[in-house]
Protein backbone atom coordinates (compact mmCIF):
# COMPACT_ATOMS: atom_id res chain seq x y z
CA MET A 1 -74.77 76.89 -123.01
CA HIS A 2 -77.84 78.92 -122.02
CA GLN A 3 -78.37 76.75 -118.92
CA LEU A 4 -74.73 77.06 -117.86
CA LEU A 5 -74.73 80.82 -118.37
CA SER A 6 -77.93 81.10 -116.29
CA GLY A 7 -76.30 79.05 -113.56
CA LEU A 8 -73.17 81.20 -113.57
CA ARG A 9 -75.23 84.40 -113.41
CA ALA A 10 -77.31 82.99 -110.53
CA ALA A 11 -74.17 82.05 -108.58
CA GLY A 12 -72.32 85.30 -109.29
CA GLU A 13 -72.89 87.08 -105.98
CA SER A 14 -71.09 86.70 -102.66
CA SER A 15 -74.09 85.63 -100.56
CA ARG A 16 -75.06 83.04 -103.16
CA LEU A 17 -71.55 81.65 -103.21
CA ARG A 18 -71.79 81.34 -99.43
CA LEU A 19 -75.09 79.50 -99.78
CA LEU A 20 -73.59 77.08 -102.30
CA PHE A 21 -70.75 76.43 -99.87
CA ILE A 22 -73.14 75.82 -96.95
CA LEU A 23 -75.45 73.55 -98.94
CA SER A 24 -72.52 71.41 -100.04
CA PHE A 25 -72.62 70.07 -96.45
CA GLY A 26 -76.24 68.90 -96.61
CA GLU A 27 -79.79 70.20 -96.64
CA PHE A 28 -81.03 73.12 -94.57
CA ASN A 29 -84.27 75.04 -94.12
CA VAL A 30 -84.57 78.78 -94.65
CA THR A 31 -84.47 79.59 -90.92
CA GLU A 32 -81.20 77.68 -90.51
CA LEU A 33 -79.66 79.36 -93.55
CA THR A 34 -80.72 82.75 -92.21
CA GLN A 35 -78.98 81.99 -88.92
CA ILE A 36 -75.79 80.89 -90.67
CA LEU A 37 -75.58 83.84 -93.07
CA GLY A 38 -76.76 86.43 -90.53
CA GLN A 39 -79.07 87.98 -93.13
CA SER A 40 -82.81 88.66 -93.26
CA GLN A 41 -85.13 85.85 -94.29
CA PRO A 42 -86.56 87.72 -97.32
CA ARG A 43 -83.05 88.34 -98.66
CA VAL A 44 -81.96 84.71 -98.16
CA SER A 45 -85.19 83.46 -99.70
CA ARG A 46 -84.63 85.65 -102.76
CA HIS A 47 -81.12 84.24 -103.25
CA LEU A 48 -82.43 80.69 -102.88
CA LYS A 49 -85.21 81.25 -105.39
CA LEU A 50 -82.81 82.61 -108.01
CA MET A 51 -80.49 79.64 -107.67
CA SER A 52 -83.36 77.14 -107.58
CA ASP A 53 -84.85 78.65 -110.75
CA ALA A 54 -81.41 78.32 -112.40
CA GLY A 55 -81.23 74.63 -111.48
CA LEU A 56 -78.34 74.94 -109.01
CA LEU A 57 -80.48 73.91 -106.01
CA GLU A 58 -83.29 71.52 -105.18
CA ARG A 59 -86.22 72.84 -103.17
CA PHE A 60 -88.72 70.58 -101.43
CA LYS A 61 -91.41 70.92 -98.78
CA GLU A 62 -91.46 68.81 -95.62
CA GLY A 63 -94.41 69.66 -93.39
CA SER A 64 -94.12 73.35 -92.59
CA TRP A 65 -90.44 73.42 -93.63
CA VAL A 66 -88.96 74.23 -97.01
CA LEU A 67 -85.58 72.54 -97.39
CA PHE A 68 -82.79 73.24 -99.87
CA ARG A 69 -79.78 71.24 -101.06
CA LEU A 70 -77.44 71.22 -104.05
CA ARG A 71 -79.12 69.65 -107.05
CA ALA A 72 -77.85 66.11 -107.52
CA ASP A 73 -78.41 65.83 -111.27
CA GLY A 74 -78.15 67.79 -114.51
CA ASP A 75 -75.49 70.17 -115.85
CA ALA A 76 -76.60 73.02 -113.58
CA GLY A 77 -76.41 70.72 -110.56
CA ALA A 78 -72.89 69.66 -111.53
CA LEU A 79 -71.97 73.35 -111.94
CA GLY A 80 -73.24 74.21 -108.45
CA ALA A 81 -71.26 71.34 -106.90
CA MET A 82 -68.13 72.39 -108.82
CA ILE A 83 -68.38 76.01 -107.67
CA ALA A 84 -68.87 74.92 -104.05
CA LYS A 85 -65.81 72.66 -104.29
CA LEU A 86 -63.65 75.49 -105.67
CA LEU A 87 -64.42 77.83 -102.79
CA ASP A 88 -61.59 78.26 -100.26
CA ARG A 89 -62.52 76.98 -96.79
CA ASP A 90 -59.80 79.19 -95.30
CA ASP A 91 -61.61 82.32 -96.42
CA PRO A 92 -62.52 84.19 -93.18
CA VAL A 93 -66.19 84.59 -94.18
CA LEU A 94 -66.57 80.93 -95.09
CA ARG A 95 -64.79 79.88 -91.89
CA SER A 96 -67.37 81.84 -89.90
CA ASP A 97 -70.20 80.30 -91.92
CA LEU A 98 -68.80 76.84 -91.29
CA SER A 99 -68.63 77.50 -87.55
CA ARG A 100 -72.30 78.58 -87.44
CA LEU A 101 -73.23 75.64 -89.69
CA ARG A 102 -71.72 73.24 -87.15
CA GLN A 103 -73.72 74.94 -84.39
CA VAL A 104 -76.93 74.33 -86.36
CA ILE A 105 -76.05 70.66 -86.90
CA ASP A 106 -75.18 70.26 -83.21
CA ALA A 107 -78.53 71.79 -82.23
CA ARG A 108 -80.30 69.31 -84.52
CA LYS A 109 -78.48 66.41 -82.92
CA GLN A 110 -79.30 67.59 -79.40
CA ALA A 111 -82.99 67.89 -80.31
CA ALA A 112 -82.97 64.43 -81.90
CA ASP A 113 -81.20 62.93 -78.87
CA ALA A 114 -83.75 64.49 -76.52
CA TYR A 115 -86.65 63.12 -78.56
CA PHE A 116 -85.12 59.64 -78.75
CA THR A 117 -84.40 59.62 -75.00
CA ALA A 118 -88.00 60.60 -74.23
CA ASN A 119 -89.28 57.73 -76.36
CA ALA A 120 -86.59 55.16 -75.58
CA VAL A 121 -88.83 53.26 -73.17
CA ASN A 122 -91.17 52.33 -76.04
CA TRP A 123 -88.37 51.23 -78.35
CA ASP A 124 -86.67 49.15 -75.67
CA LYS A 125 -89.91 47.48 -74.61
CA ILE A 126 -90.61 46.24 -78.12
CA ARG A 127 -87.01 45.26 -78.86
CA SER A 128 -86.83 43.18 -75.68
CA LEU A 129 -89.57 40.99 -77.12
CA HIS A 130 -87.84 39.94 -80.31
CA VAL A 131 -84.50 38.93 -81.74
CA SER A 132 -81.69 41.46 -81.48
CA GLU A 133 -81.42 44.20 -84.08
CA SER A 134 -77.91 43.01 -84.95
CA LYS A 135 -79.24 39.60 -86.03
CA VAL A 136 -81.98 41.19 -88.11
CA GLU A 137 -79.51 43.57 -89.74
CA THR A 138 -77.06 40.76 -90.48
CA ALA A 139 -79.82 38.79 -92.18
CA MET A 140 -80.84 41.86 -94.20
CA MET A 141 -77.25 42.45 -95.33
CA GLU A 142 -76.98 38.82 -96.43
CA MET A 143 -80.26 38.95 -98.34
CA ALA A 144 -79.30 42.27 -99.97
CA GLY A 145 -76.14 40.63 -101.31
CA ASP A 146 -73.09 42.38 -102.69
CA ALA A 147 -74.86 44.37 -105.43
CA LYS A 148 -74.32 48.14 -105.47
CA PRO A 149 -77.71 49.75 -106.23
CA ALA A 150 -77.77 53.00 -108.17
CA PHE A 151 -80.72 54.15 -106.03
CA TYR A 152 -81.70 52.60 -102.69
CA LEU A 153 -84.98 53.56 -101.01
CA ASP A 154 -86.00 52.89 -97.39
CA LEU A 155 -89.75 53.25 -96.82
CA GLY A 156 -90.93 54.21 -93.35
CA THR A 157 -87.35 54.95 -92.46
CA GLY A 158 -88.14 55.97 -88.86
CA THR A 159 -84.87 56.77 -87.09
CA GLY A 160 -82.90 55.92 -90.25
CA ARG A 161 -81.14 52.90 -88.72
CA ILE A 162 -81.63 50.62 -91.75
CA LEU A 163 -81.11 53.51 -94.18
CA ALA A 164 -77.69 54.23 -92.67
CA LEU A 165 -76.87 50.51 -92.67
CA LEU A 166 -77.38 50.01 -96.41
CA ALA A 167 -76.87 53.49 -97.91
CA GLY A 168 -73.11 53.08 -98.04
CA ARG A 169 -73.53 50.40 -100.68
CA ALA A 170 -75.56 52.64 -102.99
CA GLU A 171 -74.70 55.48 -105.34
CA GLN A 172 -77.73 57.42 -104.08
CA ALA A 173 -80.09 56.61 -101.20
CA ALA A 174 -83.24 58.08 -99.66
CA GLY A 175 -85.43 57.40 -96.65
CA LEU A 176 -89.12 58.37 -96.48
CA ASP A 177 -91.33 58.74 -93.43
CA THR A 178 -94.47 60.66 -92.47
CA SER A 179 -93.16 61.66 -89.02
CA LEU A 180 -91.19 64.91 -88.87
CA ALA A 181 -89.87 63.95 -85.43
CA MET A 182 -88.53 60.65 -86.73
CA LEU A 183 -87.06 62.37 -89.78
CA SER A 184 -85.09 64.72 -87.55
CA ILE A 185 -83.54 61.68 -85.88
CA ALA A 186 -82.87 60.03 -89.24
CA ARG A 187 -81.28 63.20 -90.61
CA ALA A 188 -78.99 63.46 -87.59
CA ARG A 189 -78.00 59.80 -88.00
CA VAL A 190 -77.25 60.26 -91.71
CA GLU A 191 -75.16 63.36 -91.00
CA ALA A 192 -73.26 61.64 -88.19
CA ALA A 193 -72.45 58.75 -90.55
CA GLY A 194 -71.15 61.17 -93.20
CA LEU A 195 -73.51 59.77 -95.84
CA LYS A 196 -73.50 62.62 -98.37
CA ASN A 197 -75.24 60.39 -100.93
CA THR A 198 -78.29 60.05 -98.69
CA GLN A 199 -81.44 62.13 -98.24
CA VAL A 200 -84.44 61.84 -95.95
CA ARG A 201 -87.87 63.02 -97.03
CA GLN A 202 -91.35 63.32 -95.65
CA GLY A 203 -93.57 61.25 -97.89
CA ASP A 204 -96.63 59.03 -98.17
CA ILE A 205 -95.89 55.32 -98.55
CA TYR A 206 -99.09 55.01 -100.61
CA SER A 207 -98.04 57.74 -103.04
CA LEU A 208 -94.28 57.80 -103.41
CA PRO A 209 -92.75 60.99 -104.90
CA TYR A 210 -90.82 59.05 -107.56
CA ARG A 211 -91.45 58.10 -111.16
CA ASP A 212 -91.82 54.49 -112.29
CA GLU A 213 -88.88 52.07 -112.19
CA VAL A 214 -86.19 54.20 -110.52
CA SER A 215 -85.04 52.10 -107.55
CA ASP A 216 -82.83 49.00 -107.55
CA LEU A 217 -83.40 48.16 -103.87
CA ILE A 218 -86.25 48.99 -101.49
CA THR A 219 -86.48 48.08 -97.80
CA VAL A 220 -89.61 48.13 -95.63
CA HIS A 221 -88.45 47.45 -92.07
CA GLN A 222 -91.08 47.02 -89.34
CA VAL A 223 -93.57 49.26 -91.14
CA LEU A 224 -96.36 47.15 -92.65
CA HIS A 225 -97.95 46.23 -89.30
CA PHE A 226 -98.74 49.93 -88.78
CA LEU A 227 -100.63 50.24 -92.09
CA ASP A 228 -104.31 49.89 -92.92
CA ASP A 229 -103.49 48.53 -96.38
CA PRO A 230 -100.03 46.91 -96.61
CA GLY A 231 -100.85 45.42 -100.01
CA ARG A 232 -101.37 48.85 -101.54
CA ALA A 233 -98.07 50.02 -100.07
CA LEU A 234 -96.27 47.07 -101.68
CA GLU A 235 -97.93 47.78 -105.03
CA GLU A 236 -96.65 51.35 -104.85
CA ALA A 237 -93.18 50.08 -103.96
CA ALA A 238 -93.32 47.72 -106.95
CA ARG A 239 -94.21 50.66 -109.20
CA VAL A 240 -90.95 52.48 -108.47
CA LEU A 241 -88.85 49.30 -108.50
CA LYS A 242 -86.77 48.63 -111.60
CA PRO A 243 -87.06 45.33 -113.48
CA SER A 244 -84.87 42.86 -111.52
CA GLY A 245 -84.99 45.31 -108.58
CA ARG A 246 -85.32 43.79 -105.13
CA LEU A 247 -87.63 44.39 -102.18
CA LEU A 248 -86.72 43.42 -98.60
CA ILE A 249 -89.54 43.27 -96.04
CA VAL A 250 -88.96 42.81 -92.31
CA ASP A 251 -91.88 42.44 -89.91
CA PHE A 252 -93.33 40.36 -87.10
CA SER A 253 -94.85 36.95 -87.68
CA PRO A 254 -98.44 36.60 -86.34
CA HIS A 255 -98.68 36.96 -82.54
CA ASP A 256 -101.26 37.72 -79.87
CA LEU A 257 -99.62 40.55 -77.95
CA GLU A 258 -102.62 42.85 -77.88
CA PHE A 259 -100.80 45.53 -75.87
CA LEU A 260 -98.77 46.34 -79.00
CA ARG A 261 -102.00 47.41 -80.67
CA GLU A 262 -103.26 49.30 -77.64
CA GLU A 263 -100.01 50.98 -76.60
CA HIS A 264 -97.98 51.19 -79.80
CA ALA A 265 -100.57 51.74 -82.55
CA HIS A 266 -99.94 48.42 -84.31
CA ARG A 267 -102.75 47.91 -86.81
CA ARG A 268 -101.91 44.23 -87.31
CA LEU A 269 -100.59 41.71 -84.85
CA GLY A 270 -97.94 40.43 -87.23
CA LEU A 271 -98.06 39.35 -90.87
CA SER A 272 -98.77 35.83 -92.07
CA ASP A 273 -96.73 34.21 -94.83
CA GLU A 274 -99.92 33.68 -96.80
CA ALA A 275 -100.91 37.35 -96.63
CA VAL A 276 -97.46 38.58 -97.69
CA SER A 277 -97.37 36.08 -100.57
CA ILE A 278 -100.73 37.32 -101.82
CA TRP A 279 -99.70 40.98 -101.57
CA LEU A 280 -96.45 40.31 -103.42
CA GLU A 281 -98.23 38.40 -106.17
CA ARG A 282 -100.76 41.20 -106.64
CA ALA A 283 -97.89 43.67 -106.81
CA GLY A 284 -96.28 41.62 -109.59
CA LEU A 285 -93.28 40.59 -107.49
CA ASP A 286 -91.71 37.14 -107.13
CA LEU A 287 -90.90 35.84 -103.65
CA LYS A 288 -87.28 34.63 -103.75
CA GLU A 289 -86.41 33.92 -100.13
CA GLN A 290 -87.93 33.92 -96.67
CA ARG A 291 -86.38 33.64 -93.22
CA LYS A 292 -87.64 33.54 -89.64
CA LEU A 293 -85.62 34.73 -86.66
CA GLU A 294 -86.87 33.62 -83.26
CA THR A 295 -85.86 35.32 -80.04
CA ASP A 296 -84.23 33.60 -77.12
CA GLN A 297 -85.21 36.46 -74.85
CA GLY A 298 -88.22 37.12 -72.65
CA HIS A 299 -90.99 34.82 -71.51
CA ASP A 300 -92.76 32.36 -73.74
CA ASP A 301 -95.97 34.39 -73.62
CA HIS A 302 -94.07 37.52 -74.70
CA LYS A 303 -92.11 36.17 -77.64
CA LEU A 304 -92.06 37.60 -81.13
CA THR A 305 -90.68 36.02 -84.27
CA VAL A 306 -89.24 38.33 -86.92
CA SER A 307 -89.83 37.35 -90.56
CA LEU A 308 -87.88 38.53 -93.58
CA TRP A 309 -89.13 38.30 -97.15
CA HIS A 310 -86.96 38.92 -100.22
CA ALA A 311 -88.91 39.62 -103.43
CA GLN A 312 -87.83 40.64 -106.93
CA LYS A 313 -89.48 42.39 -109.82
CA PRO A 314 -89.36 40.25 -112.98
CA GLU A 315 -87.36 41.32 -116.00
CA ARG A 316 -89.43 43.13 -118.59
CA ARG A 317 -90.53 40.59 -121.16
CA ALA A 318 -89.81 41.26 -124.81
CA ARG A 319 -92.90 41.78 -126.91
CA ALA A 320 -93.72 39.09 -129.40
CA ALA A 321 -93.11 40.02 -133.03
C-alpha cells in the first residue's frame, strides 16, 4: 500500500501525467522531454527524479545521455503504465505533446538514416562477400525454433537488424552495443517496427548489466571477430543464460581477407570450429548444432563462408542426497 500511495502521489501533477503519457511511447532523454513539454530542463528533471524514486520510471545512463522509460516490472511500474493508458489522447495538451513527440522520433530517424547512408559503402562491401542476409536470417530463425523466450538478448546489436527479427517472438527483448551511433540506428529500427517490448542499451559485452540466469535466448551476430577475447564474452553470455537457455552465434569461418582487418577493424579473420568449441566448453555450454552457408557471389579469392553455432546451457543438476 505504501508503494502504491507513493506512486500515486508522484504521478499526481499535470506535468508528470504528461511525462507518463509521453514515456508510454518509448524511451527519451531529458533534452527530448524538455522539447516535448516546452518546460525548463531543471523542472523536467525534478519531475523525472520524483517519479523514478517512486518506482514509476526507469532511469539509465547511455554515454552522455540519461534515458527514461516506464518501469517494466513491479507494482509501481504497473501503476505507471495503467495511469498512462487511462489518459485521454484527445485532450488538447496531450495531442500537442504527441505531435512534438512524433517530431522528435522523426528527427531521430533522419539522423539514423544519414549515418547509415554515410557508412553504407562499408556494409555493402562486406555483405557482397558472403551469403545474403536473408539466408543467414532464415537459418537463425530455424535454429531458434518456435519457442517464445521470456527474455531475449542480442549482444553487439549494431543496427538492431537481428534484434528486430527475433524480438517479436519474445515477451521482453534487449539489444546491447558499445556504439552510440549504432544504437541510434537500432532504436529507430525498433521504433519503426513497433516493438514496444524491446529496449536497446549501451553496454559492455564483457560485463553485461544483468544478473545471473535471466535470458532464455542470446544471439551474437557477426560480433566475435571484432573482439580481443571472444571466449570471455561467451562466458559472460553463459552467466546470464538460464538453464536450458540457448545461444546462437553467427560469424565468418576462417579466411585470408586481410583488408577486413586493415579497413574494417576485424581482430580475427574468421573463427575456426575448434576455437568456438573450446570457448563453448569453457563457458559450460553444449554445442547442439552447426551450419555453414557458402556464398555464390563474388570471386573465388573474395569469398566468405558464414558459420552458425547453436549452443545450450545444461539443466541444473540436482544435488546428491
